[in-house]
PDB file of N, CA and C in Angstrom:
ATOM      1  N   UNK A   1      -4.838 -37.080  27.518  1.00  0.00           N
ATOM      2  CA  UNK A   1      -5.030 -37.169  26.027  1.00  0.00           C
ATOM      3  C   UNK A   1      -4.363 -38.508  25.647  1.00  0.00           C
ATOM      4  N   UNK A   2      -4.864 -39.013  24.497  1.00  0.00           N
ATOM      5  CA  UNK A   2      -4.279 -40.344  23.770  1.00  0.00           C
ATOM      6  C   UNK A   2      -4.261 -39.884  22.317  1.00  0.00           C
ATOM      7  N   UNK A   3      -3.544 -40.701  21.809  1.00  0.00           N
ATOM      8  CA  UNK A   3      -3.364 -40.537  20.342  1.00  0.00           C
ATOM      9  C   UNK A   3      -2.717 -41.875  19.666  1.00  0.00           C
ATOM     10  N   UNK A   4      -2.853 -41.819  18.315  1.00  0.00           N
ATOM     11  CA  UNK A   4      -2.386 -42.969  17.544  1.00  0.00           C
ATOM     12  C   UNK A   4      -1.631 -42.413  16.127  1.00  0.00           C
ATOM     13  N   UNK A   5      -0.623 -43.018  15.766  1.00  0.00           N
ATOM     14  CA  UNK A   5       0.090 -42.589  14.677  1.00  0.00           C
ATOM     15  C   UNK A   5       0.333 -43.843  13.613  1.00  0.00           C
ATOM     16  N   UNK A   6       0.478 -43.486  12.283  1.00  0.00           N
ATOM     17  CA  UNK A   6       0.609 -44.240  11.333  1.00  0.00           C
ATOM     18  C   UNK A   6       0.954 -43.606  10.096  1.00  0.00           C
ATOM     19  N   UNK A   7       0.734 -44.283   8.941  1.00  0.00           N
ATOM     20  CA  UNK A   7       0.846 -43.800   7.517  1.00  0.00           C
ATOM     21  C   UNK A   7      -0.438 -43.971   6.703  1.00  0.00           C
ATOM     22  N   UNK A   8      -0.670 -43.056   5.845  1.00  0.00           N
ATOM     23  CA  UNK A   8      -1.800 -43.095   4.980  1.00  0.00           C
ATOM     24  C   UNK A   8      -1.589 -44.069   3.873  1.00  0.00           C
ATOM     25  N   UNK A   9      -2.496 -44.919   3.781  1.00  0.00           N
ATOM     26  CA  UNK A   9      -2.297 -46.101   2.660  1.00  0.00           C
ATOM     27  C   UNK A   9      -2.138 -45.550   1.367  1.00  0.00           C
ATOM     28  N   UNK A  10      -1.105 -45.996   0.667  1.00  0.00           N
ATOM     29  CA  UNK A  10      -0.848 -45.567  -0.706  1.00  0.00           C
ATOM     30  C   UNK A  10      -0.219 -44.306  -0.916  1.00  0.00           C
ATOM     31  N   UNK A  11      -0.166 -43.551   0.209  1.00  0.00           N
ATOM     32  CA  UNK A  11       0.532 -42.197   0.174  1.00  0.00           C
ATOM     33  C   UNK A  11       1.865 -42.118   1.047  1.00  0.00           C
ATOM     34  N   UNK A  12       2.063 -43.066   1.942  1.00  0.00           N
ATOM     35  CA  UNK A  12       3.245 -43.088   2.755  1.00  0.00           C
ATOM     36  C   UNK A  12       3.443 -41.737   3.479  1.00  0.00           C
ATOM     37  N   UNK A  13       2.351 -41.091   3.717  1.00  0.00           N
ATOM     38  CA  UNK A  13       2.458 -39.855   4.676  1.00  0.00           C
ATOM     39  C   UNK A  13       2.167 -40.088   6.081  1.00  0.00           C
ATOM     40  N   UNK A  14       3.211 -39.717   6.925  1.00  0.00           N
ATOM     41  CA  UNK A  14       2.922 -39.938   8.398  1.00  0.00           C
ATOM     42  C   UNK A  14       1.843 -39.135   8.964  1.00  0.00           C
ATOM     43  N   UNK A  15       1.170 -39.704   9.898  1.00  0.00           N
ATOM     44  CA  UNK A  15      -0.088 -39.049  10.416  1.00  0.00           C
ATOM     45  C   UNK A  15      -0.086 -39.368  11.822  1.00  0.00           C
ATOM     46  N   UNK A  16      -0.406 -38.326  12.683  1.00  0.00           N
ATOM     47  CA  UNK A  16      -0.477 -38.567  14.049  1.00  0.00           C
ATOM     48  C   UNK A  16      -1.809 -37.853  14.450  1.00  0.00           C
ATOM     49  N   UNK A  17      -2.662 -38.592  15.136  1.00  0.00           N
ATOM     50  CA  UNK A  17      -3.922 -38.088  15.667  1.00  0.00           C
ATOM     51  C   UNK A  17      -3.975 -38.130  17.304  1.00  0.00           C
ATOM     52  N   UNK A  18      -4.523 -37.047  17.826  1.00  0.00           N
ATOM     53  CA  UNK A  18      -4.611 -36.861  19.264  1.00  0.00           C
ATOM     54  C   UNK A  18      -6.068 -36.592  19.606  1.00  0.00           C
ATOM     55  N   UNK A  19      -6.470 -37.076  20.766  1.00  0.00           N
ATOM     56  CA  UNK A  19      -7.693 -36.871  21.303  1.00  0.00           C
ATOM     57  C   UNK A  19      -7.688 -35.872  22.261  1.00  0.00           C
ATOM     58  N   UNK A  20      -8.463 -34.758  22.184  1.00  0.00           N
ATOM     59  CA  UNK A  20      -8.529 -33.754  23.155  1.00  0.00           C
ATOM     60  C   UNK A  20      -9.870 -33.288  23.225  1.00  0.00           C
ATOM     61  N   UNK A  21     -10.978 -33.835  23.854  1.00  0.00           N
ATOM     62  CA  UNK A  21     -12.337 -33.533  23.945  1.00  0.00           C
ATOM     63  C   UNK A  21     -12.608 -32.033  23.968  1.00  0.00           C
ATOM     64  N   UNK A  22     -11.874 -31.358  24.985  1.00  0.00           N
ATOM     65  CA  UNK A  22     -12.196 -29.973  25.307  1.00  0.00           C
ATOM     66  C   UNK A  22     -11.638 -29.081  24.105  1.00  0.00           C
ATOM     67  N   UNK A  23     -10.600 -29.295  23.543  1.00  0.00           N
ATOM     68  CA  UNK A  23     -10.101 -28.529  22.462  1.00  0.00           C
ATOM     69  C   UNK A  23     -10.908 -28.827  21.200  1.00  0.00           C
ATOM     70  N   UNK A  24     -11.351 -29.975  21.025  1.00  0.00           N
ATOM     71  CA  UNK A  24     -12.029 -30.304  19.677  1.00  0.00           C
ATOM     72  C   UNK A  24     -13.539 -29.624  19.741  1.00  0.00           C
ATOM     73  N   UNK A  25     -14.034 -29.541  20.902  1.00  0.00           N
ATOM     74  CA  UNK A  25     -15.443 -28.981  21.138  1.00  0.00           C
ATOM     75  C   UNK A  25     -15.519 -27.556  20.467  1.00  0.00           C
ATOM     76  N   UNK A  26     -14.384 -26.815  20.774  1.00  0.00           N
ATOM     77  CA  UNK A  26     -14.481 -25.455  20.186  1.00  0.00           C
ATOM     78  C   UNK A  26     -14.199 -25.301  18.662  1.00  0.00           C
ATOM     79  N   UNK A  27     -13.887 -26.407  18.139  1.00  0.00           N
ATOM     80  CA  UNK A  27     -13.553 -26.330  16.657  1.00  0.00           C
ATOM     81  C   UNK A  27     -14.571 -27.093  15.812  1.00  0.00           C
ATOM     82  N   UNK A  28     -15.611 -27.687  16.425  1.00  0.00           N
ATOM     83  CA  UNK A  28     -16.534 -28.619  15.751  1.00  0.00           C
ATOM     84  C   UNK A  28     -17.030 -27.864  14.478  1.00  0.00           C
ATOM     85  N   UNK A  29     -17.079 -28.574  13.399  1.00  0.00           N
ATOM     86  CA  UNK A  29     -17.506 -28.086  12.102  1.00  0.00           C
ATOM     87  C   UNK A  29     -16.154 -27.428  11.155  1.00  0.00           C
ATOM     88  N   UNK A  30     -15.112 -27.153  12.026  1.00  0.00           N
ATOM     89  CA  UNK A  30     -13.891 -26.549  11.253  1.00  0.00           C
ATOM     90  C   UNK A  30     -13.268 -27.678  10.558  1.00  0.00           C
ATOM     91  N   UNK A  31     -12.486 -27.319   9.356  1.00  0.00           N
ATOM     92  CA  UNK A  31     -11.703 -28.233   8.621  1.00  0.00           C
ATOM     93  C   UNK A  31     -10.279 -27.982   8.825  1.00  0.00           C
ATOM     94  N   UNK A  32      -9.619 -28.414   9.844  1.00  0.00           N
ATOM     95  CA  UNK A  32      -8.167 -28.099   9.938  1.00  0.00           C
ATOM     96  C   UNK A  32      -7.292 -28.717   8.960  1.00  0.00           C
ATOM     97  N   UNK A  33      -7.734 -29.727   8.293  1.00  0.00           N
ATOM     98  CA  UNK A  33      -6.734 -30.571   7.420  1.00  0.00           C
ATOM     99  C   UNK A  33      -7.591 -30.919   6.123  1.00  0.00           C
ATOM    100  N   UNK A  34      -6.994 -30.674   4.999  1.00  0.00           N
ATOM    101  CA  UNK A  34      -7.533 -30.851   3.594  1.00  0.00           C
ATOM    102  C   UNK A  34      -6.572 -31.623   2.853  1.00  0.00           C
ATOM    103  N   UNK A  35      -7.057 -32.593   2.082  1.00  0.00           N
ATOM    104  CA  UNK A  35      -6.211 -33.377   1.262  1.00  0.00           C
ATOM    105  C   UNK A  35      -6.751 -33.287  -0.136  1.00  0.00           C
ATOM    106  N   UNK A  36      -5.917 -33.293  -1.269  1.00  0.00           N
ATOM    107  CA  UNK A  36      -6.133 -33.161  -2.473  1.00  0.00           C
ATOM    108  C   UNK A  36      -6.659 -34.382  -3.207  1.00  0.00           C
ATOM    109  N   UNK A  37      -7.627 -34.420  -3.842  1.00  0.00           N
ATOM    110  CA  UNK A  37      -8.135 -35.549  -4.743  1.00  0.00           C
ATOM    111  C   UNK A  37      -8.264 -35.140  -6.226  1.00  0.00           C
ATOM    112  N   UNK A  38      -8.300 -35.864  -7.007  1.00  0.00           N
ATOM    113  CA  UNK A  38      -8.177 -35.655  -8.470  1.00  0.00           C
ATOM    114  C   UNK A  38      -9.342 -34.863  -9.175  1.00  0.00           C
ATOM    115  N   UNK A  39     -10.622 -35.494  -8.920  1.00  0.00           N
ATOM    116  CA  UNK A  39     -11.688 -34.990  -9.716  1.00  0.00           C
ATOM    117  C   UNK A  39     -12.998 -35.478  -9.071  1.00  0.00           C
ATOM    118  N   UNK A  40     -14.018 -35.284  -9.763  1.00  0.00           N
ATOM    119  CA  UNK A  40     -15.489 -35.664  -9.290  1.00  0.00           C
ATOM    120  C   UNK A  40     -15.618 -37.263  -9.234  1.00  0.00           C
ATOM    121  N   UNK A  41     -14.889 -37.993 -10.049  1.00  0.00           N
ATOM    122  CA  UNK A  41     -14.603 -39.515  -9.898  1.00  0.00           C
ATOM    123  C   UNK A  41     -14.197 -39.875  -8.689  1.00  0.00           C
ATOM    124  N   UNK A  42     -13.127 -39.288  -8.285  1.00  0.00           N
ATOM    125  CA  UNK A  42     -12.198 -39.524  -6.947  1.00  0.00           C
ATOM    126  C   UNK A  42     -13.198 -39.083  -5.902  1.00  0.00           C
ATOM    127  N   UNK A  43     -13.949 -38.191  -5.924  1.00  0.00           N
ATOM    128  CA  UNK A  43     -14.983 -37.751  -4.857  1.00  0.00           C
ATOM    129  C   UNK A  43     -16.087 -38.879  -4.592  1.00  0.00           C
ATOM    130  N   UNK A  44     -16.604 -39.230  -5.895  1.00  0.00           N
ATOM    131  CA  UNK A  44     -17.481 -40.275  -5.850  1.00  0.00           C
ATOM    132  C   UNK A  44     -17.044 -41.667  -5.125  1.00  0.00           C
ATOM    133  N   UNK A  45     -15.828 -41.860  -5.543  1.00  0.00           N
ATOM    134  CA  UNK A  45     -15.099 -43.133  -4.950  1.00  0.00           C
ATOM    135  C   UNK A  45     -15.053 -42.969  -3.451  1.00  0.00           C
ATOM    136  N   UNK A  46     -14.514 -41.830  -2.917  1.00  0.00           N
ATOM    137  CA  UNK A  46     -14.464 -41.687  -1.558  1.00  0.00           C
ATOM    138  C   UNK A  46     -15.708 -41.585  -0.815  1.00  0.00           C
ATOM    139  N   UNK A  47     -16.888 -40.956  -1.485  1.00  0.00           N
ATOM    140  CA  UNK A  47     -18.072 -41.081  -0.672  1.00  0.00           C
ATOM    141  C   UNK A  47     -18.642 -42.594  -0.649  1.00  0.00           C
ATOM    142  N   UNK A  48     -18.396 -43.297  -1.692  1.00  0.00           N
ATOM    143  CA  UNK A  48     -18.799 -44.604  -1.522  1.00  0.00           C
ATOM    144  C   UNK A  48     -18.163 -45.452  -0.546  1.00  0.00           C
ATOM    145  N   UNK A  49     -16.709 -45.208  -0.430  1.00  0.00           N
ATOM    146  CA  UNK A  49     -15.891 -45.736   0.575  1.00  0.00           C
ATOM    147  C   UNK A  49     -16.466 -45.447   1.888  1.00  0.00           C
ATOM    148  N   UNK A  50     -16.745 -44.174   2.299  1.00  0.00           N
ATOM    149  CA  UNK A  50     -17.122 -43.806   3.546  1.00  0.00           C
ATOM    150  C   UNK A  50     -18.515 -44.418   3.766  1.00  0.00           C
ATOM    151  N   UNK A  51     -19.448 -44.529   2.862  1.00  0.00           N
ATOM    152  CA  UNK A  51     -20.784 -45.052   3.052  1.00  0.00           C
ATOM    153  C   UNK A  51     -20.569 -46.476   3.388  1.00  0.00           C
ATOM    154  N   UNK A  52     -19.615 -47.310   2.584  1.00  0.00           N
ATOM    155  CA  UNK A  52     -19.472 -48.685   3.007  1.00  0.00           C
ATOM    156  C   UNK A  52     -18.902 -48.897   4.443  1.00  0.00           C
ATOM    157  N   UNK A  53     -18.194 -47.893   4.946  1.00  0.00           N
ATOM    158  CA  UNK A  53     -17.720 -47.962   6.349  1.00  0.00           C
ATOM    159  C   UNK A  53     -18.730 -47.520   7.349  1.00  0.00           C
ATOM    160  N   UNK A  54     -19.692 -46.858   6.883  1.00  0.00           N
ATOM    161  CA  UNK A  54     -20.621 -46.176   7.904  1.00  0.00           C
ATOM    162  C   UNK A  54     -20.081 -44.936   8.370  1.00  0.00           C
ATOM    163  N   UNK A  55     -19.267 -44.194   7.723  1.00  0.00           N
ATOM    164  CA  UNK A  55     -18.782 -42.849   8.209  1.00  0.00           C
ATOM    165  C   UNK A  55     -19.395 -41.730   7.596  1.00  0.00           C
ATOM    166  N   UNK A  56     -19.663 -40.905   8.637  1.00  0.00           N
ATOM    167  CA  UNK A  56     -20.447 -39.574   8.335  1.00  0.00           C
ATOM    168  C   UNK A  56     -19.640 -38.566   7.388  1.00  0.00           C
ATOM    169  N   UNK A  57     -20.208 -38.150   6.444  1.00  0.00           N
ATOM    170  CA  UNK A  57     -19.655 -37.262   5.454  1.00  0.00           C
ATOM    171  C   UNK A  57     -20.654 -36.226   4.946  1.00  0.00           C
ATOM    172  N   UNK A  58     -20.265 -35.243   4.087  1.00  0.00           N
ATOM    173  CA  UNK A  58     -21.049 -34.163   3.582  1.00  0.00           C
ATOM    174  C   UNK A  58     -21.624 -34.562   2.240  1.00  0.00           C
ATOM    175  N   UNK A  59     -21.249 -35.634   1.614  1.00  0.00           N
ATOM    176  CA  UNK A  59     -21.563 -35.778   0.264  1.00  0.00           C
ATOM    177  C   UNK A  59     -20.768 -34.917  -0.657  1.00  0.00           C
ATOM    178  N   UNK A  60     -21.069 -34.892  -1.674  1.00  0.00           N
ATOM    179  CA  UNK A  60     -20.187 -34.299  -2.782  1.00  0.00           C
ATOM    180  C   UNK A  60     -20.736 -32.942  -3.023  1.00  0.00           C
ATOM    181  N   UNK A  61     -19.963 -31.984  -2.813  1.00  0.00           N
ATOM    182  CA  UNK A  61     -20.427 -30.452  -3.018  1.00  0.00           C
ATOM    183  C   UNK A  61     -19.673 -29.630  -4.026  1.00  0.00           C
ATOM    184  N   UNK A  62     -20.323 -28.725  -4.578  1.00  0.00           N
ATOM    185  CA  UNK A  62     -19.572 -27.897  -5.447  1.00  0.00           C
ATOM    186  C   UNK A  62     -18.636 -26.921  -4.696  1.00  0.00           C
ATOM    187  N   UNK A  63     -17.225 -26.769  -5.073  1.00  0.00           N
ATOM    188  CA  UNK A  63     -16.373 -26.040  -4.447  1.00  0.00           C
ATOM    189  C   UNK A  63     -16.092 -24.747  -5.230  1.00  0.00           C
ATOM    190  N   UNK A  64     -15.287 -23.979  -4.786  1.00  0.00           N
ATOM    191  CA  UNK A  64     -15.063 -22.741  -5.529  1.00  0.00           C
ATOM    192  C   UNK A  64     -14.417 -23.073  -6.891  1.00  0.00           C
ATOM    193  N   UNK A  65     -13.612 -24.111  -6.906  1.00  0.00           N
ATOM    194  CA  UNK A  65     -13.088 -24.818  -8.129  1.00  0.00           C
ATOM    195  C   UNK A  65     -12.944 -26.189  -7.755  1.00  0.00           C
ATOM    196  N   UNK A  66     -13.905 -26.968  -8.715  1.00  0.00           N
ATOM    197  CA  UNK A  66     -13.928 -28.352  -8.317  1.00  0.00           C
ATOM    198  C   UNK A  66     -14.870 -28.746  -7.385  1.00  0.00           C
ATOM    199  N   UNK A  67     -14.667 -29.858  -6.649  1.00  0.00           N
ATOM    200  CA  UNK A  67     -15.441 -30.594  -5.774  1.00  0.00           C
ATOM    201  C   UNK A  67     -14.917 -30.817  -4.412  1.00  0.00           C
ATOM    202  N   UNK A  68     -15.851 -30.811  -3.380  1.00  0.00           N
ATOM    203  CA  UNK A  68     -15.282 -30.977  -2.011  1.00  0.00           C
ATOM    204  C   UNK A  68     -16.216 -32.064  -1.402  1.00  0.00           C
ATOM    205  N   UNK A  69     -15.525 -32.944  -0.394  1.00  0.00           N
ATOM    206  CA  UNK A  69     -16.255 -33.761   0.586  1.00  0.00           C
ATOM    207  C   UNK A  69     -15.595 -33.567   1.824  1.00  0.00           C
ATOM    208  N   UNK A  70     -16.511 -33.393   2.854  1.00  0.00           N
ATOM    209  CA  UNK A  70     -15.943 -33.376   4.233  1.00  0.00           C
ATOM    210  C   UNK A  70     -16.270 -34.830   4.878  1.00  0.00           C
ATOM    211  N   UNK A  71     -15.368 -35.232   5.679  1.00  0.00           N
ATOM    212  CA  UNK A  71     -15.584 -36.305   6.371  1.00  0.00           C
ATOM    213  C   UNK A  71     -15.356 -35.942   7.946  1.00  0.00           C
ATOM    214  N   UNK A  72     -16.319 -36.478   8.778  1.00  0.00           N
ATOM    215  CA  UNK A  72     -16.281 -36.020  10.088  1.00  0.00           C
ATOM    216  C   UNK A  72     -15.725 -36.911  11.056  1.00  0.00           C
ATOM    217  N   UNK A  73     -14.947 -36.453  12.053  1.00  0.00           N
ATOM    218  CA  UNK A  73     -14.500 -37.224  13.095  1.00  0.00           C
ATOM    219  C   UNK A  73     -15.425 -37.346  14.225  1.00  0.00           C
ATOM    220  N   UNK A  74     -15.322 -38.090  15.280  1.00  0.00           N
ATOM    221  CA  UNK A  74     -16.293 -38.273  16.139  1.00  0.00           C
ATOM    222  C   UNK A  74     -16.520 -36.935  16.978  1.00  0.00           C
ATOM    223  N   UNK A  75     -15.499 -35.948  17.018  1.00  0.00           N
ATOM    224  CA  UNK A  75     -15.782 -34.676  17.623  1.00  0.00           C
ATOM    225  C   UNK A  75     -16.348 -33.646  16.777  1.00  0.00           C
ATOM    226  N   UNK A  76     -16.726 -33.848  15.530  1.00  0.00           N
ATOM    227  CA  UNK A  76     -17.312 -33.140  14.662  1.00  0.00           C
ATOM    228  C   UNK A  76     -16.377 -32.291  13.915  1.00  0.00           C
ATOM    229  N   UNK A  77     -15.035 -32.476  13.891  1.00  0.00           N
ATOM    230  CA  UNK A  77     -14.028 -31.770  13.229  1.00  0.00           C
ATOM    231  C   UNK A  77     -14.133 -32.416  11.700  1.00  0.00           C
ATOM    232  N   UNK A  78     -14.001 -31.553  10.675  1.00  0.00           N
ATOM    233  CA  UNK A  78     -14.052 -32.093   9.337  1.00  0.00           C
ATOM    234  C   UNK A  78     -12.631 -32.308   8.642  1.00  0.00           C
ATOM    235  N   UNK A  79     -12.431 -33.283   7.907  1.00  0.00           N
ATOM    236  CA  UNK A  79     -11.206 -33.549   7.159  1.00  0.00           C
ATOM    237  C   UNK A  79     -11.773 -33.260   5.701  1.00  0.00           C
ATOM    238  N   UNK A  80     -11.368 -32.264   4.955  1.00  0.00           N
ATOM    239  CA  UNK A  80     -11.640 -31.850   3.752  1.00  0.00           C
ATOM    240  C   UNK A  80     -10.848 -32.570   2.706  1.00  0.00           C
ATOM    241  N   UNK A  81     -11.666 -33.099   1.661  1.00  0.00           N
ATOM    242  CA  UNK A  81     -11.013 -33.752   0.296  1.00  0.00           C
ATOM    243  C   UNK A  81     -11.414 -32.812  -0.589  1.00  0.00           C
ATOM    244  N   UNK A  82     -10.534 -32.157  -1.374  1.00  0.00           N
ATOM    245  CA  UNK A  82     -10.656 -30.929  -2.286  1.00  0.00           C
ATOM    246  C   UNK A  82     -10.200 -31.329  -3.592  1.00  0.00           C
ATOM    247  N   UNK A  83     -10.920 -31.424  -4.641  1.00  0.00           N
ATOM    248  CA  UNK A  83     -10.415 -31.907  -6.091  1.00  0.00           C
ATOM    249  C   UNK A  83      -9.564 -30.715  -6.627  1.00  0.00           C
ATOM    250  N   UNK A  84      -8.768 -31.124  -7.299  1.00  0.00           N
ATOM    251  CA  UNK A  84      -7.548 -30.312  -7.991  1.00  0.00           C
ATOM    252  C   UNK A  84      -7.647 -30.578  -9.516  1.00  0.00           C
ATOM    253  N   UNK A  85      -8.616 -31.350 -10.061  1.00  0.00           N
ATOM    254  CA  UNK A  85      -8.763 -31.294 -11.431  1.00  0.00           C
ATOM    255  C   UNK A  85      -9.597 -30.144 -11.991  1.00  0.00           C
ATOM    256  N   UNK A  86      -9.505 -30.200 -13.371  1.00  0.00           N
ATOM    257  CA  UNK A  86     -10.448 -29.015 -14.008  1.00  0.00           C
ATOM    258  C   UNK A  86     -11.606 -29.585 -14.597  1.00  0.00           C
ATOM    259  N   UNK A  87     -12.413 -30.562 -13.820  1.00  0.00           N
ATOM    260  CA  UNK A  87     -13.622 -31.051 -14.317  1.00  0.00           C
ATOM    261  C   UNK A  87     -14.891 -30.379 -13.810  1.00  0.00           C
ATOM    262  N   UNK A  88     -14.708 -29.188 -13.265  1.00  0.00           N
ATOM    263  CA  UNK A  88     -15.817 -28.489 -13.028  1.00  0.00           C
ATOM    264  C   UNK A  88     -15.663 -26.988 -13.021  1.00  0.00           C
ATOM    265  N   UNK A  89     -16.859 -26.083 -13.003  1.00  0.00           N
ATOM    266  CA  UNK A  89     -16.776 -24.753 -13.282  1.00  0.00           C
ATOM    267  C   UNK A  89     -15.946 -24.143 -12.222  1.00  0.00           C
ATOM    268  N   UNK A  90     -15.326 -22.990 -12.396  1.00  0.00           N
ATOM    269  CA  UNK A  90     -14.718 -22.204 -11.699  1.00  0.00           C
ATOM    270  C   UNK A  90     -15.587 -21.033 -11.036  1.00  0.00           C
ATOM    271  N   UNK A  91     -15.985 -21.103  -9.683  1.00  0.00           N
ATOM    272  CA  UNK A  91     -17.151 -20.136  -9.287  1.00  0.00           C
ATOM    273  C   UNK A  91     -16.333 -18.871  -8.430  1.00  0.00           C
ATOM    274  N   UNK A  92     -14.929 -18.895  -8.634  1.00  0.00           N
ATOM    275  CA  UNK A  92     -14.347 -17.882  -7.887  1.00  0.00           C
ATOM    276  C   UNK A  92     -14.918 -16.390  -8.241  1.00  0.00           C
ATOM    277  N   UNK A  93     -15.251 -15.751  -7.128  1.00  0.00           N
ATOM    278  CA  UNK A  93     -15.788 -14.343  -7.115  1.00  0.00           C
ATOM    279  C   UNK A  93     -17.399 -14.394  -7.432  1.00  0.00           C
ATOM    280  N   UNK A  94     -17.995 -15.554  -7.400  1.00  0.00           N
ATOM    281  CA  UNK A  94     -19.441 -15.640  -7.439  1.00  0.00           C
ATOM    282  C   UNK A  94     -20.071 -15.685  -6.139  1.00  0.00           C
ATOM    283  N   UNK A  95     -21.297 -15.255  -5.911  1.00  0.00           N
ATOM    284  CA  UNK A  95     -21.859 -15.106  -4.663  1.00  0.00           C
ATOM    285  C   UNK A  95     -21.966 -16.442  -3.990  1.00  0.00           C
ATOM    286  N   UNK A  96     -21.318 -16.540  -2.667  1.00  0.00           N
ATOM    287  CA  UNK A  96     -21.431 -17.877  -2.079  1.00  0.00           C
ATOM    288  C   UNK A  96     -20.124 -18.601  -1.988  1.00  0.00           C
ATOM    289  N   UNK A  97     -19.212 -18.188  -2.888  1.00  0.00           N
ATOM    290  CA  UNK A  97     -17.904 -18.932  -2.985  1.00  0.00           C
ATOM    291  C   UNK A  97     -16.684 -17.849  -2.797  1.00  0.00           C
ATOM    292  N   UNK A  98     -15.631 -18.479  -2.678  1.00  0.00           N
ATOM    293  CA  UNK A  98     -14.346 -17.744  -2.349  1.00  0.00           C
ATOM    294  C   UNK A  98     -14.356 -16.510  -3.267  1.00  0.00           C
ATOM    295  N   UNK A  99     -13.666 -15.377  -2.815  1.00  0.00           N
ATOM    296  CA  UNK A  99     -13.497 -14.253  -3.638  1.00  0.00           C
ATOM    297  C   UNK A  99     -11.826 -14.150  -3.728  1.00  0.00           C
ATOM    298  N   UNK A 100     -11.293 -13.691  -4.787  1.00  0.00           N
ATOM    299  CA  UNK A 100      -9.921 -13.356  -5.029  1.00  0.00           C
ATOM    300  C   UNK A 100      -9.585 -12.173  -4.150  1.00  0.00           C
ATOM    301  N   UNK A 101      -8.472 -12.000  -3.527  1.00  0.00           N
ATOM    302  CA  UNK A 101      -8.044 -10.929  -2.639  1.00  0.00           C
ATOM    303  C   UNK A 101      -6.771 -10.498  -3.081  1.00  0.00           C
TER     304      UNK A 101
END
């Protein structure tokens, strides 16, 4: 295994990433990490940034509440950006979205 550590620009959050091909293969498509973003405008800004870097992402999708963008690492794991603003409809309990439990 190998890895790298650092801080997220502008957030000061320490992050450590490790490579383990065998473990990652079983989690492809899963989103083990999510970060909050403000709103649709932030989602648009992130997708433009990913496009400029040539990074594979899901595009902007409607979430249960707000907007979501998944960006994929080389192993297929998703890092999710999920908006916390009130600029989108609440789809809670609608078919295809999360349900209150």
